[in-house]
Amino acid sequence: MLDLSVVIAGSAGEGVQTIGDAVARSVLRLGYPVFTTQEYESRIRGGYSSYRVRITEHPQNAPRSDADLLLALNERAAIRYRPLLREGGILLTEEGKVGGAGAVGVVSIPFVRTASERFGTALYANSVAAGALLAALGAKTDGLEALLRETFERKGDAVVLANVEAARTGYALAQKGLGTTSLVPLPERKDTYTLISANEAIPLAAAYAGCRFIAAYPMSPSTEIITTLSREDGLGVFAEQAEDEISAVNMAIGASYAGARAMTATSGGGFCLMVEAVSLAGMTETPLVIVLGQRPGPATGLPTRTEQGDLLFAIHAGHGEFPKLVLAPADPQDAFVKTVRAFSLADRYQIPVLVLTDQFLADSRFSLEAFHLPGREPGSFLADPSQISRYRRYELTADGISPRLYPGQSEHLVCLDSDEHTEEGHITEDLQGVRRVMVEKRLTKLRNLKKEVALPEEAHVKDSDTLIAGWGSTRGAILEAVEALRASGERIGMVHFTEVWPLPVYRFPQGTTLLVAEGNATGQFARLLRAEYGVVPARTVGRYDGLPLTAQDIEGGVHAA
């Protein structure tokens, strides 16, 4: 079965992402699903960066930790990433000595010198490299040439033709160096796929859900959300870059109080600054959506790497006891659905809702056979002022949800208070009366919310002796590991959660061994399962070096002593 891993490696500023995007989209146009992920250091130039493309016959939306083909744009990258190459792999490298070829096919191609000598500038070196990669993959350049024409059309025919010729030159040089060798032939197919990341899906979902305001302070890996919403006027979302995260979240709360669906997006360090405002939204019962893109901490940590390290922080963020919802999508399609759901449930229950992503999920591009919109657009949960004679913002109701109006909507007075308050919204010190019933009112919403939380996805649960539980972005890796282990005769299944607080009412099968796979060091989800369900996982398979969890990591963890 076709399963190729391609790694493009170099330094920041050398065009690693440009080449990777071009090759991935070229292969996609041939009818093959691709999965891409990026690894880069927190610097503008220098260091090490890689762009990984996985090519399969059917969508396999998870990373691989090895490589069949490595394109190294400099000698240092060739040395660093060469251990990833599998036996029989191909190394395409710039001029320079890499030494010790072994079973690896090494082809040196002077990308920069070829571009400079033939086209008068090194700017065309990336097109030379992209053409060389397609030759090593056994693919034609038709898709790449069409992509180059579309990309550079606005710069004129001369630039288009030069890029196309550069790609053909790189293709010819690689063919000459490889001879008749290529990884596999990639003939054109008729299949089509959508290539999208979570950071591309979430802004679309927010607009679809009726979001009209976002305030955020740039912080990787969530920055693309506000930049997309600010750039795409057609989405109809007013975007404000705040001076810091405290201002951003409070602006979003203010916009929501004024009647607009509102959100903010940040990462762990920025969310630290937001927690008081999360509690404010809980007390004032103001709808709020926060996208929390996780990255390794503490402090600045590894700002361009990935980790699932903020789960328990997100669940417990904000002082006091109040309801909140925490969602953790598994892929871009799920990110779209969960974002729409976040706005809908935030409005309906008048609570803060967190959508947990991470750098891996945010930046990786997934191949989807079709991209589906939810069955119906989310409706409004604002009250109708014409149906209210005496308005009480925090009116006691059976389900804990009070009618919500926004100021200026009608003649009704809308009061809001961050202190404990009466039904009318006025400050109170009535401890035995109002305080108790207001706490119970808010927690009633949490109990009802628990009934709406989605059950986990199950795979091969009924006939398994061992189950792997996971959450969020680990789904693809866990499912791939489960299928590989079952193919070797093991009775193993998956239980995967994408709605992680409150956890749904669920019963794990008795008599099975439970493992938990997650991207952190302390087994945060395993601890949550133990606390909420009383199950004790046999062990946790974790990864916390800043790279995403792979199927190979999980398979090794299953067999660990």
Protein backbone atom coordinates (compact mmCIF):
# COMPACT_ATOMS: atom_id res chain seq x y z
CA MET A 1 0.00 0.00 0.00
CA LEU A 2 1.27 3.46 -0.88
CA ASP A 3 2.62 5.31 2.14
CA LEU A 4 5.44 7.78 1.51
CA SER A 5 7.00 10.21 3.95
CA VAL A 6 8.78 13.21 2.47
CA VAL A 7 10.81 15.62 4.59
CA ILE A 8 12.01 19.01 3.35
CA ALA A 9 14.64 20.37 5.73
CA GLY A 10 16.70 23.52 5.93
CA SER A 11 17.03 26.77 7.81
CA ALA A 12 14.37 29.38 8.44
CA GLY A 13 14.35 31.75 5.48
CA GLU A 14 15.42 29.14 2.90
CA GLY A 15 11.90 28.43 1.65
CA VAL A 16 11.23 25.14 3.43
CA GLN A 17 7.49 25.86 3.74
CA THR A 18 7.25 27.24 0.20
CA ILE A 19 8.72 24.07 -1.29
CA GLY A 20 6.64 21.84 0.98
CA ASP A 21 3.38 23.59 0.14
CA ALA A 22 4.13 23.43 -3.58
CA VAL A 23 4.94 19.72 -3.55
CA ALA A 24 1.99 18.83 -1.29
CA ARG A 25 -0.50 20.67 -3.48
CA SER A 26 1.05 19.24 -6.65
CA VAL A 27 0.62 15.68 -5.37
CA LEU A 28 -2.91 16.54 -4.21
CA ARG A 29 -3.72 17.58 -7.79
CA LEU A 30 -2.60 14.14 -8.93
CA GLY A 31 -5.45 12.67 -6.88
CA TYR A 32 -3.54 11.51 -3.77
CA PRO A 33 -4.35 12.55 -0.21
CA VAL A 34 -1.49 14.24 1.59
CA PHE A 35 -0.92 15.12 5.21
CA THR A 36 1.52 17.89 6.07
CA THR A 37 3.04 19.07 9.31
CA GLN A 38 5.70 21.63 10.12
CA GLU A 39 8.57 21.81 12.58
CA TYR A 40 10.34 25.13 13.03
CA GLU A 41 12.36 27.01 15.58
CA SER A 42 11.40 30.35 17.11
CA ARG A 43 13.55 32.47 14.82
CA ILE A 44 13.22 34.32 11.53
CA ARG A 45 16.41 32.98 9.95
CA GLY A 46 18.78 30.13 10.69
CA GLY A 47 18.25 27.15 12.95
CA TYR A 48 16.47 24.06 11.70
CA SER A 49 13.07 23.77 10.08
CA SER A 50 11.30 20.90 8.39
CA TYR A 51 8.12 20.43 6.40
CA ARG A 52 6.81 16.87 6.24
CA VAL A 53 4.49 15.51 3.60
CA ARG A 54 2.86 12.11 3.93
CA ILE A 55 1.40 10.67 0.72
CA THR A 56 -1.04 7.76 0.88
CA GLU A 57 -3.75 6.05 -1.17
CA HIS A 58 -6.41 6.92 1.40
CA PRO A 59 -6.37 9.80 3.90
CA GLN A 60 -4.05 8.96 6.79
CA ASN A 61 -4.19 12.10 8.86
CA ALA A 62 -1.33 11.48 11.25
CA PRO A 63 2.41 12.16 11.12
CA ARG A 64 5.20 9.68 10.52
CA SER A 65 8.49 9.99 12.36
CA ASP A 66 10.68 8.64 9.54
CA ALA A 67 11.33 9.56 5.90
CA ASP A 68 11.46 7.82 2.55
CA LEU A 69 12.68 10.96 0.81
CA LEU A 70 14.68 13.80 2.34
CA LEU A 71 15.37 17.09 0.61
CA ALA A 72 18.09 18.96 2.53
CA LEU A 73 18.64 22.58 1.52
CA ASN A 74 22.00 22.83 3.28
CA GLU A 75 24.70 20.53 4.59
CA ARG A 76 23.82 21.04 8.26
CA ALA A 77 20.20 20.02 7.58
CA ALA A 78 21.39 16.94 5.67
CA ILE A 79 23.45 15.80 8.64
CA ARG A 80 20.76 16.54 11.22
CA TYR A 81 17.80 14.93 9.44
CA ARG A 82 19.52 12.07 7.66
CA PRO A 83 18.90 9.62 10.55
CA LEU A 84 15.19 9.84 9.66
CA LEU A 85 15.77 8.12 6.31
CA ARG A 86 14.60 4.56 6.04
CA GLU A 87 16.76 1.94 4.35
CA GLY A 88 16.55 2.43 0.59
CA GLY A 89 15.49 6.05 0.97
CA ILE A 90 16.60 8.95 -1.21
CA LEU A 91 18.50 12.05 -0.10
CA LEU A 92 18.40 15.10 -2.36
CA THR A 93 20.88 17.66 -1.13
CA GLU A 94 22.50 20.92 -2.09
CA GLU A 95 26.16 20.86 -2.98
CA GLY A 96 28.19 19.63 -0.05
CA LYS A 97 29.51 16.46 1.52
CA VAL A 98 27.14 14.34 3.55
CA GLY A 99 29.29 11.23 3.80
CA GLY A 100 28.48 7.57 4.46
CA ALA A 101 25.74 6.93 1.93
CA GLY A 102 25.12 3.32 2.95
CA ALA A 103 21.81 2.08 1.54
CA VAL A 104 20.64 5.63 0.92
CA GLY A 105 20.57 7.05 -2.60
CA VAL A 106 22.31 10.44 -2.43
CA VAL A 107 21.87 12.96 -5.23
CA SER A 108 23.56 16.37 -4.99
CA ILE A 109 21.85 19.14 -6.92
CA PRO A 110 23.12 22.75 -6.83
CA PHE A 111 19.70 24.37 -6.43
CA VAL A 112 20.99 27.86 -5.69
CA ARG A 113 23.82 27.85 -8.22
CA THR A 114 21.57 26.44 -10.94
CA ALA A 115 18.98 29.16 -10.35
CA SER A 116 21.59 31.91 -10.24
CA GLU A 117 23.44 30.81 -13.38
CA ARG A 118 20.44 29.93 -15.49
CA PHE A 119 17.91 32.56 -14.40
CA GLY A 120 20.10 35.30 -13.00
CA THR A 121 18.81 35.06 -9.42
CA ALA A 122 18.71 32.55 -6.59
CA LEU A 123 14.99 33.31 -6.14
CA TYR A 124 14.13 30.41 -8.45
CA ALA A 125 16.03 27.84 -6.36
CA ASN A 126 12.83 26.73 -4.62
CA SER A 127 11.18 25.88 -7.92
CA VAL A 128 14.28 23.92 -8.91
CA ALA A 129 14.06 21.98 -5.63
CA ALA A 130 10.31 21.34 -5.98
CA GLY A 131 10.84 19.91 -9.48
CA ALA A 132 13.61 17.66 -8.20
CA LEU A 133 11.34 16.31 -5.45
CA LEU A 134 8.63 15.38 -7.93
CA ALA A 135 11.17 13.48 -10.01
CA ALA A 136 12.24 11.47 -6.97
CA LEU A 137 8.57 10.77 -6.24
CA GLY A 138 7.97 9.45 -9.74
CA ALA A 139 5.39 12.15 -10.45
CA LYS A 140 4.96 14.41 -13.45
CA THR A 141 5.36 18.17 -13.10
CA ASP A 142 1.98 19.05 -14.63
CA GLY A 143 0.36 19.83 -11.29
CA LEU A 144 3.36 21.82 -10.09
CA GLU A 145 3.49 23.83 -13.30
CA ALA A 146 -0.21 24.68 -13.05
CA LEU A 147 0.30 25.71 -9.43
CA LEU A 148 3.25 27.93 -10.36
CA ARG A 149 1.22 29.61 -13.09
CA GLU A 150 -1.60 30.36 -10.65
CA THR A 151 0.78 31.57 -7.95
CA PHE A 152 2.85 33.92 -10.09
CA GLU A 153 0.27 35.00 -12.65
CA ARG A 154 0.00 38.49 -11.16
CA LYS A 155 3.78 38.99 -11.56
CA GLY A 156 3.70 38.57 -15.32
CA ASP A 157 4.50 35.97 -17.96
CA ALA A 158 8.27 36.27 -17.59
CA VAL A 159 8.20 35.27 -13.93
CA VAL A 160 5.71 32.46 -14.60
CA LEU A 161 7.81 31.00 -17.40
CA ALA A 162 11.01 31.26 -15.38
CA ASN A 163 9.48 29.35 -12.45
CA VAL A 164 8.08 26.66 -14.73
CA GLU A 165 11.43 26.28 -16.47
CA ALA A 166 13.20 26.15 -13.10
CA ALA A 167 10.92 23.30 -11.98
CA ARG A 168 11.61 21.43 -15.22
CA THR A 169 15.35 21.97 -14.74
CA GLY A 170 15.27 20.56 -11.23
CA TYR A 171 13.22 17.62 -12.48
CA ALA A 172 15.80 16.86 -15.18
CA LEU A 173 18.74 17.18 -12.80
CA ALA A 174 17.15 14.78 -10.32
CA GLN A 175 16.31 12.29 -13.06
CA LYS A 176 19.90 12.42 -14.25
CA GLY A 177 21.22 11.82 -10.75
CA LEU A 178 18.73 9.10 -9.91
CA GLY A 179 18.81 7.30 -13.23
CA THR A 180 15.78 5.06 -13.38
CA THR A 181 15.32 5.21 -9.60
CA SER A 182 12.31 6.80 -7.95
CA LEU A 183 10.38 5.87 -4.84
CA VAL A 184 7.24 4.72 -6.65
CA PRO A 185 5.37 5.85 -9.72
CA LEU A 186 2.57 8.29 -8.94
CA PRO A 187 0.22 8.14 -11.91
CA GLU A 188 -2.60 10.65 -11.99
CA ARG A 189 -5.88 9.60 -10.34
CA LYS A 190 -9.38 11.07 -10.43
CA ASP A 191 -9.83 11.36 -6.65
CA THR A 192 -10.13 14.84 -5.15
CA TYR A 193 -9.49 16.05 -1.61
CA THR A 194 -9.74 19.23 0.41
CA LEU A 195 -6.47 20.24 2.10
CA ILE A 196 -7.08 22.35 5.19
CA SER A 197 -5.71 23.08 8.67
CA ALA A 198 -7.59 23.77 11.89
CA ASN A 199 -6.39 27.38 11.86
CA GLU A 200 -8.00 27.75 8.43
CA ALA A 201 -11.22 26.02 9.46
CA ILE A 202 -11.83 27.86 12.73
CA PRO A 203 -12.22 31.39 11.25
CA LEU A 204 -14.67 30.04 8.66
CA ALA A 205 -16.60 28.25 11.40
CA ALA A 206 -16.71 31.35 13.58
CA ALA A 207 -18.19 33.42 10.75
CA TYR A 208 -20.64 30.63 9.93
CA ALA A 209 -21.69 30.51 13.58
CA GLY A 210 -22.52 34.22 13.58
CA CYS A 211 -19.39 35.58 15.28
CA ARG A 212 -19.14 39.31 14.62
CA PHE A 213 -16.22 40.34 16.84
CA ILE A 214 -12.77 39.00 17.70
CA ALA A 215 -10.13 40.65 19.83
CA ALA A 216 -6.76 38.98 20.26
CA TYR A 217 -3.10 39.59 20.87
CA PRO A 218 -0.83 37.67 18.46
CA MET A 219 0.55 34.49 20.00
CA SER A 220 1.53 31.37 18.11
CA PRO A 221 -0.01 29.00 17.24
CA SER A 222 -3.34 30.88 17.31
CA THR A 223 -2.34 34.09 15.47
CA GLU A 224 -3.62 32.92 12.08
CA ILE A 225 -7.20 32.98 13.38
CA ILE A 226 -7.35 36.74 13.90
CA THR A 227 -5.20 37.50 10.84
CA THR A 228 -7.60 35.50 8.66
CA LEU A 229 -10.66 37.20 10.12
CA SER A 230 -9.07 40.64 9.74
CA ARG A 231 -7.96 39.95 6.16
CA GLU A 232 -11.15 38.36 4.84
CA ASP A 233 -13.71 41.17 4.87
CA GLY A 234 -16.34 38.89 3.36
CA LEU A 235 -16.54 36.90 6.59
CA GLY A 236 -18.11 39.90 8.30
CA VAL A 237 -16.16 39.72 11.56
CA PHE A 238 -14.75 42.90 13.13
CA ALA A 239 -11.18 42.14 14.25
CA GLU A 240 -9.30 44.14 16.88
CA GLN A 241 -5.66 43.51 17.75
CA ALA A 242 -5.58 44.37 21.44
CA GLU A 243 -2.54 45.63 23.35
CA ASP A 244 -2.50 42.48 25.49
CA GLU A 245 -4.50 39.38 26.30
CA ILE A 246 -6.29 40.94 29.27
CA SER A 247 -7.70 43.66 27.03
CA ALA A 248 -8.55 41.15 24.32
CA VAL A 249 -10.69 38.89 26.48
CA ASN A 250 -12.43 41.79 28.19
CA MET A 251 -13.20 43.38 24.81
CA ALA A 252 -14.76 40.07 23.76
CA ILE A 253 -16.84 39.95 26.94
CA GLY A 254 -17.94 43.53 26.35
CA ALA A 255 -18.93 42.80 22.76
CA SER A 256 -20.90 39.76 23.90
CA TYR A 257 -22.67 41.80 26.61
CA ALA A 258 -23.57 44.28 23.85
CA GLY A 259 -25.27 41.51 21.86
CA ALA A 260 -22.58 40.36 19.39
CA ARG A 261 -21.25 36.83 19.26
CA ALA A 262 -17.60 37.30 20.20
CA MET A 263 -14.37 35.35 20.65
CA THR A 264 -10.69 35.59 21.37
CA ALA A 265 -7.77 33.30 20.54
CA THR A 266 -4.50 32.80 22.38
CA SER A 267 -1.99 30.27 23.68
CA GLY A 268 -1.10 29.10 27.18
CA GLY A 269 0.86 32.17 28.29
CA GLY A 270 -1.85 34.51 27.04
CA PHE A 271 -4.59 32.41 28.58
CA CYS A 272 -2.82 32.76 31.94
CA LEU A 273 -3.64 36.45 31.73
CA MET A 274 -7.26 35.76 30.81
CA VAL A 275 -8.33 33.54 33.68
CA GLU A 276 -9.79 36.34 35.83
CA ALA A 277 -11.94 37.37 32.87
CA VAL A 278 -13.04 33.75 32.38
CA SER A 279 -14.35 33.89 35.92
CA LEU A 280 -15.97 37.25 35.11
CA ALA A 281 -17.84 35.65 32.20
CA GLY A 282 -18.90 32.86 34.55
CA MET A 283 -20.29 35.23 37.17
CA THR A 284 -21.96 37.63 34.73
CA GLU A 285 -23.24 34.66 32.64
CA THR A 286 -21.90 36.24 29.47
CA PRO A 287 -21.31 33.99 26.43
CA LEU A 288 -17.61 33.80 25.48
CA VAL A 289 -15.61 31.60 23.09
CA ILE A 290 -11.85 31.24 23.60
CA VAL A 291 -9.58 29.26 21.28
CA LEU A 292 -6.57 28.04 23.26
CA GLY A 293 -3.75 26.85 21.00
CA GLN A 294 -1.49 24.76 23.22
CA ARG A 295 2.30 24.79 23.04
CA PRO A 296 4.98 23.55 25.44
CA GLY A 297 5.50 25.53 28.64
CA PRO A 298 6.06 26.61 31.28
CA ALA A 299 6.57 30.30 30.53
CA THR A 300 7.60 30.85 26.90
CA GLY A 301 8.75 27.23 26.72
CA LEU A 302 8.95 26.12 23.11
CA PRO A 303 6.72 28.70 21.40
CA THR A 304 6.69 27.05 17.96
CA ARG A 305 6.30 23.42 19.08
CA THR A 306 3.36 21.31 20.16
CA GLU A 307 2.03 19.79 23.37
CA GLN A 308 -1.24 18.85 25.08
CA GLY A 309 -0.12 20.41 28.32
CA ASP A 310 -2.98 22.77 29.19
CA LEU A 311 -5.92 20.39 29.64
CA LEU A 312 -6.30 20.58 33.41
CA PHE A 313 -5.42 24.29 33.37
CA ALA A 314 -8.25 24.97 30.93
CA ILE A 315 -10.75 22.90 32.89
CA HIS A 316 -9.98 24.60 36.19
CA ALA A 317 -9.22 28.11 34.90
CA GLY A 318 -10.99 30.88 36.79
CA HIS A 319 -11.55 31.23 40.52
CA GLY A 320 -14.75 30.01 42.07
CA GLU A 321 -17.24 27.42 40.93
CA PHE A 322 -19.10 28.06 37.70
CA PRO A 323 -19.97 26.13 34.53
CA LYS A 324 -17.75 26.10 31.47
CA LEU A 325 -17.38 23.83 28.47
CA VAL A 326 -14.05 22.58 27.08
CA LEU A 327 -13.93 21.12 23.57
CA ALA A 328 -10.88 19.51 21.94
CA PRO A 329 -11.31 18.90 18.18
CA ALA A 330 -9.46 16.05 16.49
CA ASP A 331 -8.99 17.45 12.96
CA PRO A 332 -9.99 20.48 10.84
CA GLN A 333 -13.44 19.09 10.03
CA ASP A 334 -14.01 18.52 13.72
CA ALA A 335 -12.55 21.96 14.50
CA PHE A 336 -15.20 23.52 12.26
CA VAL A 337 -18.02 21.58 13.92
CA LYS A 338 -16.71 22.18 17.44
CA THR A 339 -16.27 25.91 16.84
CA VAL A 340 -19.87 26.24 15.65
CA ARG A 341 -20.96 24.17 18.62
CA ALA A 342 -18.89 26.36 20.95
CA PHE A 343 -20.75 29.52 19.88
CA SER A 344 -24.12 27.79 20.03
CA LEU A 345 -23.64 26.34 23.52
CA ALA A 346 -21.95 29.48 24.84
CA ASP A 347 -25.02 31.48 23.79
CA ARG A 348 -27.56 28.93 24.94
CA TYR A 349 -26.04 28.33 28.39
CA GLN A 350 -24.50 31.81 28.77
CA ILE A 351 -21.09 30.42 29.69
CA PRO A 352 -17.44 30.58 28.61
CA VAL A 353 -16.47 27.83 26.15
CA LEU A 354 -12.87 26.88 25.40
CA VAL A 355 -11.77 25.22 22.17
CA LEU A 356 -8.43 23.47 22.72
CA THR A 357 -6.12 23.09 19.74
CA ASP A 358 -2.33 22.77 19.66
CA GLN A 359 0.49 23.70 17.30
CA PHE A 360 0.32 20.33 15.57
CA LEU A 361 -3.40 20.57 14.87
CA ALA A 362 -3.28 24.30 14.12
CA ASP A 363 -0.49 24.16 11.51
CA SER A 364 -0.88 20.68 9.97
CA ARG A 365 -2.93 20.30 6.80
CA PHE A 366 -5.29 17.35 6.55
CA SER A 367 -6.75 15.77 3.42
CA LEU A 368 -10.51 15.44 3.68
CA GLU A 369 -12.57 13.57 1.09
CA ALA A 370 -15.33 16.12 1.63
CA PHE A 371 -15.78 19.08 3.93
CA HIS A 372 -19.20 19.07 5.59
CA LEU A 373 -21.11 21.94 7.12
CA PRO A 374 -23.33 21.28 10.14
CA GLY A 375 -26.89 20.35 9.27
CA ARG A 376 -28.29 23.70 10.34
CA GLU A 377 -26.88 27.10 11.16
CA PRO A 378 -26.89 27.96 14.85
CA GLY A 379 -29.89 30.00 15.94
CA SER A 380 -30.09 32.90 18.35
CA PHE A 381 -30.77 32.38 22.04
CA LEU A 382 -31.44 36.03 22.87
CA ALA A 383 -34.78 36.64 24.54
CA ASP A 384 -37.61 38.50 22.83
CA PRO A 385 -38.12 41.76 24.77
CA SER A 386 -41.72 42.03 23.56
CA GLN A 387 -42.56 38.87 25.47
CA ILE A 388 -41.17 40.15 28.78
CA SER A 389 -43.15 42.40 31.13
CA ARG A 390 -40.67 42.58 34.03
CA TYR A 391 -37.07 41.88 33.06
CA ARG A 392 -34.68 40.22 35.49
CA ARG A 393 -31.28 39.45 33.98
CA TYR A 394 -30.56 36.63 36.46
CA GLU A 395 -34.08 35.33 36.87
CA LEU A 396 -34.25 31.98 38.65
CA THR A 397 -35.48 29.28 36.28
CA ALA A 398 -35.79 25.51 36.36
CA ASP A 399 -32.85 24.98 34.00
CA GLY A 400 -30.72 27.80 35.42
CA ILE A 401 -30.78 29.74 32.14
CA SER A 402 -32.11 33.28 32.50
CA PRO A 403 -33.53 35.38 29.65
CA ARG A 404 -30.75 37.44 28.06
CA LEU A 405 -31.24 40.86 26.54
CA TYR A 406 -28.54 43.33 25.58
CA PRO A 407 -28.50 47.03 26.51
CA GLY A 408 -30.33 49.29 24.11
CA GLN A 409 -32.29 46.40 22.62
CA SER A 410 -35.51 47.60 24.27
CA GLU A 411 -36.83 49.73 27.10
CA HIS A 412 -35.86 47.03 29.61
CA LEU A 413 -32.99 47.85 31.95
CA VAL A 414 -30.12 45.36 31.56
CA CYS A 415 -27.91 45.15 34.66
CA LEU A 416 -24.68 43.18 34.92
CA ASP A 417 -22.52 42.73 38.00
CA SER A 418 -19.31 40.83 38.74
CA ASP A 419 -20.23 40.75 42.46
CA GLU A 420 -22.77 38.24 43.63
CA HIS A 421 -26.12 39.66 42.62
CA THR A 422 -29.87 39.42 42.88
CA GLU A 423 -32.15 38.34 40.07
CA GLU A 424 -32.27 41.98 38.92
CA GLY A 425 -28.46 42.15 38.78
CA HIS A 426 -27.84 44.24 41.91
CA ILE A 427 -25.04 43.55 44.41
CA THR A 428 -26.09 41.46 47.39
CA GLU A 429 -24.64 40.19 50.68
CA ASP A 430 -27.61 37.91 51.35
CA LEU A 431 -25.55 34.82 52.20
CA GLN A 432 -28.24 32.36 53.24
CA GLY A 433 -30.76 33.35 50.61
CA VAL A 434 -29.52 34.81 47.34
CA ARG A 435 -25.92 33.56 47.41
CA ARG A 436 -26.90 29.93 47.85
CA VAL A 437 -29.57 29.94 45.16
CA MET A 438 -27.37 31.80 42.67
CA VAL A 439 -24.56 29.25 43.08
CA GLU A 440 -27.09 26.45 42.61
CA LYS A 441 -28.60 28.26 39.61
CA ARG A 442 -25.23 28.41 37.84
CA LEU A 443 -24.33 24.82 38.67
CA THR A 444 -27.72 23.61 37.40
CA LYS A 445 -26.51 24.69 33.97
CA LEU A 446 -23.40 22.52 34.41
CA ARG A 447 -25.49 19.46 35.26
CA ASN A 448 -27.71 20.01 32.23
CA LEU A 449 -24.70 20.70 30.02
CA LYS A 450 -23.23 17.33 30.99
CA LYS A 451 -26.22 15.66 29.32
CA GLU A 452 -25.39 17.39 26.01
CA VAL A 453 -21.69 16.57 25.89
CA ALA A 454 -20.84 14.17 23.08
CA LEU A 455 -19.88 10.59 23.84
CA PRO A 456 -16.38 9.48 22.85
CA GLU A 457 -15.70 7.89 19.47
CA GLU A 458 -15.23 4.14 19.75
CA ALA A 459 -13.28 1.84 17.46
CA HIS A 460 -13.13 -1.96 17.95
CA VAL A 461 -14.21 -1.63 21.57
CA LYS A 462 -16.46 -4.69 21.82
CA ASP A 463 -13.87 -7.27 20.77
CA SER A 464 -10.80 -5.79 22.49
CA ASP A 465 -8.77 -6.77 25.52
CA THR A 466 -6.91 -3.47 25.54
CA LEU A 467 -8.23 0.04 24.92
CA ILE A 468 -6.28 3.19 24.13
CA ALA A 469 -7.98 6.36 25.31
CA GLY A 470 -7.04 9.78 23.98
CA TRP A 471 -8.33 13.26 23.40
CA GLY A 472 -8.08 16.06 20.87
CA SER A 473 -5.45 15.98 18.16
CA THR A 474 -4.10 12.48 18.95
CA ARG A 475 -7.00 10.73 17.20
CA GLY A 476 -5.24 10.06 13.88
CA ALA A 477 -2.13 8.61 15.51
CA ILE A 478 -4.13 6.43 17.93
CA LEU A 479 -6.40 5.06 15.22
CA GLU A 480 -3.43 4.28 12.96
CA ALA A 481 -1.66 2.49 15.81
CA VAL A 482 -4.79 0.49 16.65
CA GLU A 483 -5.26 -0.64 13.04
CA ALA A 484 -1.58 -1.64 12.76
CA LEU A 485 -1.67 -3.61 16.01
CA ARG A 486 -4.92 -5.34 15.05
CA ALA A 487 -3.38 -6.30 11.72
CA SER A 488 -0.68 -8.12 13.69
CA GLY A 489 -3.31 -10.03 15.65
CA GLU A 490 -3.74 -7.94 18.79
CA ARG A 491 -7.19 -7.33 20.27
CA ILE A 492 -7.03 -3.61 20.80
CA GLY A 493 -9.43 -0.69 20.37
CA MET A 494 -9.77 3.07 20.77
CA VAL A 495 -11.89 5.41 22.90
CA HIS A 496 -11.35 9.02 21.85
CA PHE A 497 -12.81 12.16 23.45
CA THR A 498 -13.30 15.53 21.77
CA GLU A 499 -15.53 17.06 24.45
CA VAL A 500 -13.50 16.88 27.63
CA TRP A 501 -15.30 19.03 30.20
CA PRO A 502 -17.68 18.20 31.56
CA LEU A 503 -17.05 14.60 30.61
CA PRO A 504 -20.12 12.73 29.35
CA VAL A 505 -21.83 9.92 31.19
CA TYR A 506 -19.86 6.94 29.89
CA ARG A 507 -18.93 3.48 31.12
CA PHE A 508 -15.64 1.85 30.13
CA PRO A 509 -15.98 -1.89 29.43
CA GLN A 510 -15.03 -4.04 32.39
CA GLY A 511 -12.18 -6.52 32.10
CA THR A 512 -10.14 -4.49 29.60
CA THR A 513 -6.72 -2.96 30.09
CA LEU A 514 -6.80 0.81 29.63
CA LEU A 515 -3.90 2.83 28.23
CA VAL A 516 -3.96 6.58 27.68
CA ALA A 517 -2.05 8.29 24.86
CA GLU A 518 -1.54 12.05 25.13
CA GLY A 519 1.01 14.74 24.37
CA ASN A 520 2.20 15.63 27.85
CA ALA A 521 4.48 14.30 30.59
CA THR A 522 2.13 13.95 33.56
CA GLY A 523 -0.82 12.07 32.06
CA GLN A 524 -3.36 14.84 32.56
CA PHE A 525 -6.20 13.08 30.77
CA ALA A 526 -5.41 9.83 32.58
CA ARG A 527 -5.78 11.74 35.86
CA LEU A 528 -9.07 13.22 34.69
CA LEU A 529 -10.43 9.78 33.75
CA ARG A 530 -9.43 8.46 37.15
CA ALA A 531 -11.13 11.36 38.94
CA GLU A 532 -14.35 11.37 36.90
CA TYR A 533 -14.88 7.71 36.02
CA GLY A 534 -12.90 5.89 38.70
CA VAL A 535 -10.88 3.97 36.09
CA VAL A 536 -7.18 3.45 36.65
CA PRO A 537 -5.15 3.34 33.41
CA ALA A 538 -2.39 0.74 33.35
CA ARG A 539 -0.02 3.38 31.96
CA THR A 540 0.21 6.50 29.88
CA VAL A 541 1.98 6.80 26.55
CA GLY A 542 3.14 10.40 26.49
CA ARG A 543 5.29 12.63 24.33
CA TYR A 544 6.56 15.97 25.57
CA ASP A 545 9.62 16.85 23.47
CA GLY A 546 7.68 19.39 21.39
CA LEU A 547 6.91 16.98 18.53
CA PRO A 548 3.51 15.36 17.86
CA LEU A 549 2.59 11.90 19.04
CA THR A 550 2.88 9.32 16.24
CA ALA A 551 1.46 5.85 15.71
CA GLN A 552 4.98 4.47 16.13
CA ASP A 553 5.22 6.12 19.58
CA ILE A 554 1.93 4.53 20.62
CA GLU A 555 2.80 1.09 19.29
CA GLY A 556 6.05 1.21 21.24
CA GLY A 557 4.20 2.32 24.36
CA VAL A 558 1.70 -0.52 24.09
CA HIS A 559 4.52 -3.05 24.13
CA ALA A 560 6.55 -1.30 26.84
CA ALA A 561 7.22 -3.35 29.94
